[in-house]
């Protein structure tokens, strides 16, 4: 069964002067889902809604999380509840379903996680099948998530849509976000061309392989450095994750003398201002859902190269998962199209104005 087409984000468009409760991860940490929720919350507030957020990731104890969620549902008496992804488990899902009956809100399920359902128990999948008909609206982020529902024999309700998770960032926040970048990053950007960027929430292994393809990006860099001696790779890595794999990566960097050509941007940093200083954005993932990072790169007209691990927008240059030779060819062709030759002397990035150090903005207060 072929998936319906992905449409632009619309599920929050017509909600105005309402009370909206959002359940899902909220920054920090920054990630595709949490950034989406942050931007949705901002958008809903601009539409004169009263928005409250319950970040279930704040509670290590399941019992405490359930208690706090019950209090959240009871206290807010919301008109709408937006529940993001099913990965919190059956109890949380039952709570929002029962809450819809008790408190009368409209429940919208926004599912971002294409891999989640494949690992769930038969009981959980049966629970979703039974209760999904009670949902007011079902939003699946990307065709890969839709396919996960089909593969796991979970029906899609009548009010189902496949939407993009992307909302444009607030450009007024660019300087404040760049102020969170370390000064060493600006030195790196000034001294390297061409510039390639990529990102990963953390180092994660999928069947013993690097899920986000940081090892692949480093191998590409190693192959390209002789042709482009000033080439640089910026890897935005929010957290280390797998420490052992990070040690292997650092060993590869040292062994191949890449120390001066790789910059790891650690910590909770929004990526999109960095993209505007780079020539290519790559996403060499082994598996993927809807990538907000790709949409952001395209929004800023940055040449984007990705594996075929998921359906990609037509502007993306796609190569087969795991085919390092095809990835190298794609990067070289993209650089050539931008005017780079093997002396790597194109000076486009040198024309940027690099910002001075600024005050780091305070984090927003989240209601729980």
Protein backbone atom coordinates (compact mmCIF):
# COMPACT_ATOMS: atom_id res chain seq x y z
CA UNK A 1 0.00 0.00 0.00
CA UNK A 2 1.48 3.30 -1.04
CA UNK A 3 1.57 6.05 1.55
CA UNK A 4 -0.46 9.23 1.10
CA UNK A 5 1.71 12.26 0.31
CA UNK A 6 3.37 14.29 3.04
CA UNK A 7 1.69 17.65 3.46
CA UNK A 8 3.12 20.74 5.17
CA UNK A 9 2.41 21.20 8.85
CA UNK A 10 -1.22 22.20 9.45
CA UNK A 11 -2.52 20.48 12.60
CA UNK A 12 -1.99 23.57 14.78
CA UNK A 13 -3.11 26.15 12.23
CA UNK A 14 -6.73 26.66 13.23
CA UNK A 15 -6.44 26.39 17.00
CA UNK A 16 -7.05 29.84 18.48
CA UNK A 17 -8.19 31.14 21.90
CA UNK A 18 -8.13 27.60 23.29
CA UNK A 19 -6.50 25.80 26.20
CA UNK A 20 -3.92 23.38 24.79
CA UNK A 21 -1.97 20.79 26.76
CA UNK A 22 1.10 19.30 25.10
CA UNK A 23 2.59 16.01 26.31
CA UNK A 24 6.04 15.20 24.99
CA UNK A 25 9.75 16.02 25.31
CA UNK A 26 10.63 19.70 25.54
CA UNK A 27 14.12 21.23 25.30
CA UNK A 28 16.52 20.68 26.79
CA UNK A 29 17.69 18.33 25.44
CA UNK A 30 17.35 19.49 21.86
CA UNK A 31 16.17 16.90 19.38
CA UNK A 32 13.88 16.63 16.40
CA UNK A 33 10.75 16.04 18.50
CA UNK A 34 11.55 18.48 21.29
CA UNK A 35 12.39 21.31 18.87
CA UNK A 36 9.16 20.61 16.98
CA UNK A 37 7.18 20.86 20.23
CA UNK A 38 8.98 24.07 21.20
CA UNK A 39 8.09 25.70 17.90
CA UNK A 40 4.51 24.41 18.03
CA UNK A 41 4.11 25.85 21.53
CA UNK A 42 5.43 29.22 20.37
CA UNK A 43 3.09 29.16 17.37
CA UNK A 44 0.05 28.29 19.48
CA UNK A 45 0.85 31.08 21.93
CA UNK A 46 1.06 33.53 19.04
CA UNK A 47 -2.44 32.35 18.10
CA UNK A 48 -3.64 33.46 21.54
CA UNK A 49 -3.90 30.00 23.07
CA UNK A 50 -3.16 29.12 26.68
CA UNK A 51 -0.42 26.49 26.25
CA UNK A 52 0.84 24.18 29.00
CA UNK A 53 3.52 21.52 28.53
CA UNK A 54 4.04 18.23 30.34
CA UNK A 55 7.53 16.89 29.71
CA UNK A 56 7.32 13.23 30.64
CA UNK A 57 11.09 12.82 30.25
CA UNK A 58 11.63 14.84 33.43
CA UNK A 59 10.62 11.95 35.68
CA UNK A 60 12.84 8.92 36.20
CA UNK A 61 10.25 7.03 38.24
CA UNK A 62 7.32 5.66 36.27
CA UNK A 63 4.98 5.94 39.27
CA UNK A 64 5.89 9.60 39.75
CA UNK A 65 5.45 10.25 36.02
CA UNK A 66 1.98 8.69 36.04
CA UNK A 67 0.98 10.67 39.12
CA UNK A 68 2.20 13.94 37.61
CA UNK A 69 0.46 13.21 34.31
CA UNK A 70 -2.85 12.58 36.08
CA UNK A 71 -2.43 15.87 37.94
CA UNK A 72 -1.60 17.62 34.66
CA UNK A 73 -4.69 16.29 32.90
CA UNK A 74 -6.93 17.04 35.87
CA UNK A 75 -5.56 20.50 36.65
CA UNK A 76 -5.52 21.97 33.14
CA UNK A 77 -9.02 21.04 31.96
CA UNK A 78 -7.73 21.55 28.41
CA UNK A 79 -9.77 21.92 25.24
CA UNK A 80 -7.05 20.06 23.30
CA UNK A 81 -4.37 17.58 24.30
CA UNK A 82 -1.51 16.99 21.87
CA UNK A 83 0.19 13.71 22.71
CA UNK A 84 3.54 13.29 20.96
CA UNK A 85 4.62 9.71 20.15
CA UNK A 86 3.65 6.44 21.78
CA UNK A 87 7.04 5.55 23.22
CA UNK A 88 6.15 6.42 26.82
CA UNK A 89 4.14 3.20 27.03
CA UNK A 90 0.71 1.73 27.62
CA UNK A 91 -0.09 3.37 30.96
CA UNK A 92 0.49 6.89 29.66
CA UNK A 93 -1.56 6.12 26.56
CA UNK A 94 -4.43 4.80 28.67
CA UNK A 95 -4.30 7.89 30.87
CA UNK A 96 -4.76 10.28 27.95
CA UNK A 97 -7.51 8.07 26.46
CA UNK A 98 -9.43 7.88 29.75
CA UNK A 99 -8.75 11.57 30.35
CA UNK A 100 -10.45 12.37 27.06
CA UNK A 101 -13.61 10.61 28.30
CA UNK A 102 -13.49 12.19 31.78
CA UNK A 103 -12.45 15.73 30.88
CA UNK A 104 -13.86 16.05 27.37
CA UNK A 105 -10.80 17.36 25.56
CA UNK A 106 -9.99 16.63 21.94
CA UNK A 107 -7.03 14.25 21.75
CA UNK A 108 -4.57 14.55 18.87
CA UNK A 109 -1.88 11.89 18.52
CA UNK A 110 1.24 13.16 16.79
CA UNK A 111 3.58 10.22 16.19
CA UNK A 112 7.16 10.98 15.15
CA UNK A 113 8.84 7.68 15.93
CA UNK A 114 8.99 5.27 12.98
CA UNK A 115 11.02 2.62 14.87
CA UNK A 116 9.01 2.51 18.09
CA UNK A 117 6.19 0.19 17.02
CA UNK A 118 8.48 -2.56 15.73
CA UNK A 119 9.82 -3.13 19.26
CA UNK A 120 6.47 -3.08 21.07
CA UNK A 121 4.68 -6.07 22.55
CA UNK A 122 1.60 -7.66 21.01
CA UNK A 123 -0.41 -6.44 24.01
CA UNK A 124 0.64 -2.83 23.47
CA UNK A 125 -0.17 -2.95 19.77
CA UNK A 126 -3.58 -4.46 20.55
CA UNK A 127 -4.23 -1.66 23.03
CA UNK A 128 -3.41 0.95 20.40
CA UNK A 129 -5.69 -0.76 17.85
CA UNK A 130 -8.60 -0.82 20.31
CA UNK A 131 -8.25 2.76 21.52
CA UNK A 132 -7.13 4.58 18.38
CA UNK A 133 -10.70 5.05 17.19
CA UNK A 134 -11.28 7.33 20.19
CA UNK A 135 -8.62 9.79 19.01
CA UNK A 136 -9.93 13.04 17.54
CA UNK A 137 -7.05 13.39 15.07
CA UNK A 138 -4.01 11.31 14.12
CA UNK A 139 -0.91 12.99 12.70
CA UNK A 140 1.90 10.80 11.43
CA UNK A 141 5.21 12.55 10.84
CA UNK A 142 6.64 11.33 7.55
CA UNK A 143 5.89 8.33 5.37
CA UNK A 144 8.24 6.07 7.35
CA UNK A 145 6.05 6.47 10.43
CA UNK A 146 2.98 5.72 8.33
CA UNK A 147 4.68 2.57 7.03
CA UNK A 148 5.43 1.48 10.60
CA UNK A 149 1.69 1.55 11.35
CA UNK A 150 0.94 -0.49 8.24
CA UNK A 151 3.71 -3.02 8.98
CA UNK A 152 2.44 -3.52 12.53
CA UNK A 153 -1.18 -3.90 11.47
CA UNK A 154 -2.31 -0.78 13.32
CA UNK A 155 -5.12 1.03 11.52
CA UNK A 156 -5.09 4.70 10.63
CA UNK A 157 -8.21 6.56 11.69
CA UNK A 158 -10.40 8.63 9.40
CA UNK A 159 -8.87 11.91 10.58
CA UNK A 160 -5.32 10.80 9.76
CA UNK A 161 -2.80 13.00 7.99
CA UNK A 162 0.86 12.58 7.14
CA UNK A 163 2.56 15.86 7.81
CA UNK A 164 5.95 17.48 7.86
CA UNK A 165 7.34 18.20 11.33
CA UNK A 166 9.10 21.29 10.06
CA UNK A 167 8.17 24.78 11.15
CA UNK A 168 10.52 27.61 10.15
CA UNK A 169 12.68 28.87 13.02
CA UNK A 170 12.30 32.32 14.49
CA UNK A 171 14.99 34.27 12.65
CA UNK A 172 14.95 36.92 15.36
CA UNK A 173 16.62 34.40 17.67
CA UNK A 174 19.65 33.86 15.42
CA UNK A 175 22.06 36.14 17.30
CA UNK A 176 21.00 34.78 20.67
CA UNK A 177 21.53 31.20 19.49
CA UNK A 178 24.92 32.00 17.95
CA UNK A 179 25.94 33.50 21.29
CA UNK A 180 25.73 29.98 22.73
CA UNK A 181 28.37 28.72 20.27
CA UNK A 182 31.94 28.59 21.61
CA UNK A 183 34.43 31.17 20.19
CA UNK A 184 36.56 28.31 18.85
CA UNK A 185 33.80 27.42 16.40
CA UNK A 186 34.03 30.80 14.67
CA UNK A 187 37.80 30.38 14.33
CA UNK A 188 37.23 26.96 12.78
CA UNK A 189 34.64 28.31 10.34
CA UNK A 190 36.93 31.15 9.26
CA UNK A 191 39.87 28.83 8.61
CA UNK A 192 38.16 26.04 6.66
CA UNK A 193 36.56 25.82 3.26
CA UNK A 194 34.59 24.01 2.02
CA UNK A 195 32.56 23.46 5.18
CA UNK A 196 30.43 20.39 5.78
CA UNK A 197 28.07 19.98 8.74
CA UNK A 198 26.09 17.15 10.25
CA UNK A 199 24.33 16.50 13.53
CA UNK A 200 23.39 13.73 15.93
CA UNK A 201 21.47 13.70 19.17
CA UNK A 202 23.99 11.20 20.59
CA UNK A 203 26.22 8.36 19.49
CA UNK A 204 23.84 5.43 19.08
CA UNK A 205 24.58 1.97 17.71
CA UNK A 206 22.05 0.12 15.57
CA UNK A 207 23.04 -3.54 15.20
CA UNK A 208 26.61 -2.57 16.22
CA UNK A 209 26.76 0.19 13.57
CA UNK A 210 26.77 3.96 13.96
CA UNK A 211 23.11 4.97 13.52
CA UNK A 212 23.74 8.60 12.60
CA UNK A 213 26.80 7.84 10.46
CA UNK A 214 29.41 9.97 12.21
CA UNK A 215 31.99 7.31 11.34
CA UNK A 216 30.88 7.55 7.71
CA UNK A 217 31.22 11.35 7.73
CA UNK A 218 34.77 11.03 9.09
CA UNK A 219 35.68 8.49 6.43
CA UNK A 220 34.34 10.86 3.77
CA UNK A 221 36.43 13.66 5.26
CA UNK A 222 39.52 11.45 5.24
CA UNK A 223 38.99 10.64 1.56
CA UNK A 224 38.38 14.26 0.58
CA UNK A 225 41.16 15.99 2.54
CA UNK A 226 43.85 15.39 -0.11
CA UNK A 227 41.71 17.01 -2.81
CA UNK A 228 40.44 19.75 -0.50
CA UNK A 229 43.22 20.48 2.01
CA UNK A 230 41.23 23.19 3.83
CA UNK A 231 38.04 21.16 4.15
CA UNK A 232 36.30 21.16 7.53
CA UNK A 233 33.58 19.08 9.15
CA UNK A 234 31.44 20.41 11.99
CA UNK A 235 29.56 17.71 13.86
CA UNK A 236 26.88 18.96 16.23
CA UNK A 237 26.72 16.24 18.89
CA UNK A 238 24.33 17.12 21.69
CA UNK A 239 25.64 14.40 23.99
CA UNK A 240 28.25 11.67 23.75
CA UNK A 241 25.99 8.67 24.25
CA UNK A 242 28.01 5.53 23.59
CA UNK A 243 31.39 6.25 25.21
CA UNK A 244 33.16 3.25 23.69
CA UNK A 245 32.15 4.22 20.19
CA UNK A 246 33.25 7.79 20.83
CA UNK A 247 36.70 6.48 21.76
CA UNK A 248 36.84 4.60 18.46
CA UNK A 249 35.89 7.74 16.60
CA UNK A 250 38.55 9.79 18.35
CA UNK A 251 41.11 7.09 17.59
CA UNK A 252 40.15 7.23 13.90
CA UNK A 253 40.57 11.01 13.91
CA UNK A 254 44.02 10.79 15.48
CA UNK A 255 45.14 7.88 13.33
CA UNK A 256 44.26 9.77 10.14
CA UNK A 257 45.48 13.20 11.27
CA UNK A 258 42.04 14.79 11.11
CA UNK A 259 42.30 16.73 14.37
CA UNK A 260 42.54 20.10 12.62
CA UNK A 261 39.68 19.36 10.24
CA UNK A 262 36.96 18.20 12.64
CA UNK A 263 35.05 20.31 15.13
CA UNK A 264 32.61 18.71 17.57
CA UNK A 265 29.95 21.16 18.71
CA UNK A 266 28.91 19.61 22.01
CA UNK A 267 25.96 20.50 24.19
CA UNK A 268 22.42 21.66 23.66
CA UNK A 269 22.79 23.98 20.66
CA UNK A 270 20.26 24.78 17.96
CA UNK A 271 21.79 23.92 14.62
CA UNK A 272 20.10 26.17 12.08
CA UNK A 273 22.29 29.32 12.44
CA UNK A 274 25.36 27.14 11.86
CA UNK A 275 23.86 25.80 8.63
CA UNK A 276 23.96 29.26 7.08
CA UNK A 277 27.78 29.21 7.28
CA UNK A 278 28.22 25.78 5.66
CA UNK A 279 28.41 24.62 2.06
CA UNK A 280 26.98 21.13 2.51
CA UNK A 281 24.82 19.41 5.11
CA UNK A 282 25.05 15.62 5.23
CA UNK A 283 22.85 13.03 6.92
CA UNK A 284 24.50 9.62 6.46
CA UNK A 285 22.05 7.73 8.70
CA UNK A 286 21.43 3.99 8.65
CA UNK A 287 17.79 4.44 9.60
CA UNK A 288 15.68 7.56 9.71
CA UNK A 289 12.27 9.08 10.05
CA UNK A 290 11.31 12.60 9.12
CA UNK A 291 14.44 14.75 9.49
CA UNK A 292 13.82 18.29 10.69
CA UNK A 293 17.53 19.01 10.19
CA UNK A 294 17.22 18.26 6.47
CA UNK A 295 14.22 20.55 6.19
CA UNK A 296 16.12 23.33 7.96
CA UNK A 297 19.11 22.94 5.64
CA UNK A 298 16.83 23.14 2.61
CA UNK A 299 15.03 26.14 4.09
CA UNK A 300 18.35 27.99 4.13
CA UNK A 301 19.28 26.75 0.62
CA UNK A 302 22.15 24.59 1.88
CA UNK A 303 23.10 21.71 -0.43
CA UNK A 304 21.90 18.57 1.36
CA UNK A 305 23.12 14.98 0.91
CA UNK A 306 21.51 12.02 2.68
CA UNK A 307 21.16 8.28 2.56
CA UNK A 308 18.02 6.67 1.20
CA UNK A 309 17.15 5.38 4.70
CA UNK A 310 13.85 7.27 4.43
CA UNK A 311 11.86 9.20 1.87
CA UNK A 312 13.66 12.49 1.25
CA UNK A 313 12.47 15.79 -0.22
CA UNK A 314 13.18 16.05 -3.96
CA UNK A 315 15.89 18.70 -3.44
CA UNK A 316 18.04 16.26 -1.44
CA UNK A 317 20.92 14.43 -3.15
CA UNK A 318 20.35 10.81 -2.13
CA UNK A 319 22.74 7.86 -2.10
CA UNK A 320 22.29 4.23 -0.90
CA UNK A 321 22.69 3.43 2.79
CA UNK A 322 26.18 2.15 3.54
CA UNK A 323 27.63 2.95 0.09
CA UNK A 324 30.62 5.11 1.06
CA UNK A 325 31.79 5.40 -2.53
CA UNK A 326 28.44 6.78 -3.64
CA UNK A 327 28.50 9.19 -0.71
CA UNK A 328 31.95 10.42 -1.65
CA UNK A 329 30.90 10.91 -5.27
CA UNK A 330 27.80 12.83 -4.18
CA UNK A 331 29.85 15.21 -2.02
CA UNK A 332 32.45 15.77 -4.76
CA UNK A 333 29.80 16.49 -7.38
CA UNK A 334 28.07 18.90 -5.02
CA UNK A 335 31.31 20.74 -4.33
CA UNK A 336 32.11 20.93 -8.02
CA UNK A 337 28.63 22.33 -8.72
CA UNK A 338 29.30 25.06 -6.16
CA UNK A 339 32.53 26.08 -7.85
CA UNK A 340 35.09 24.32 -5.67
CA UNK A 341 38.09 22.85 -7.43
CA UNK A 342 40.73 20.60 -5.97
CA UNK A 343 42.70 23.55 -4.61
CA UNK A 344 39.70 24.30 -2.37
CA UNK A 345 40.12 28.01 -2.97
CA UNK A 346 36.53 29.12 -3.24
CA UNK A 347 36.14 32.00 -0.79
CA UNK A 348 32.36 32.20 -0.46
CA UNK A 349 32.37 31.34 3.25
CA UNK A 350 35.05 33.95 3.99
CA UNK A 351 32.54 36.66 3.14
CA UNK A 352 30.47 35.92 6.24
CA UNK A 353 30.44 38.37 9.10
CA UNK A 354 31.25 36.40 12.22
CA UNK A 355 29.55 37.62 15.39
CA UNK A 356 31.28 38.77 18.57
CA UNK A 357 30.63 37.04 21.89
CA UNK A 358 27.19 37.78 23.30
CA UNK A 359 25.23 37.13 26.45
CA UNK A 360 23.70 33.65 26.58
CA UNK A 361 19.90 33.90 26.84
CA UNK A 362 18.07 32.33 29.76
CA UNK A 363 16.19 29.08 29.26
CA UNK A 364 12.36 29.33 29.16
CA UNK A 365 10.36 28.22 32.18
CA UNK A 366 8.39 25.03 31.57
CA UNK A 367 5.17 24.27 33.43
CA UNK A 368 4.80 20.67 34.57
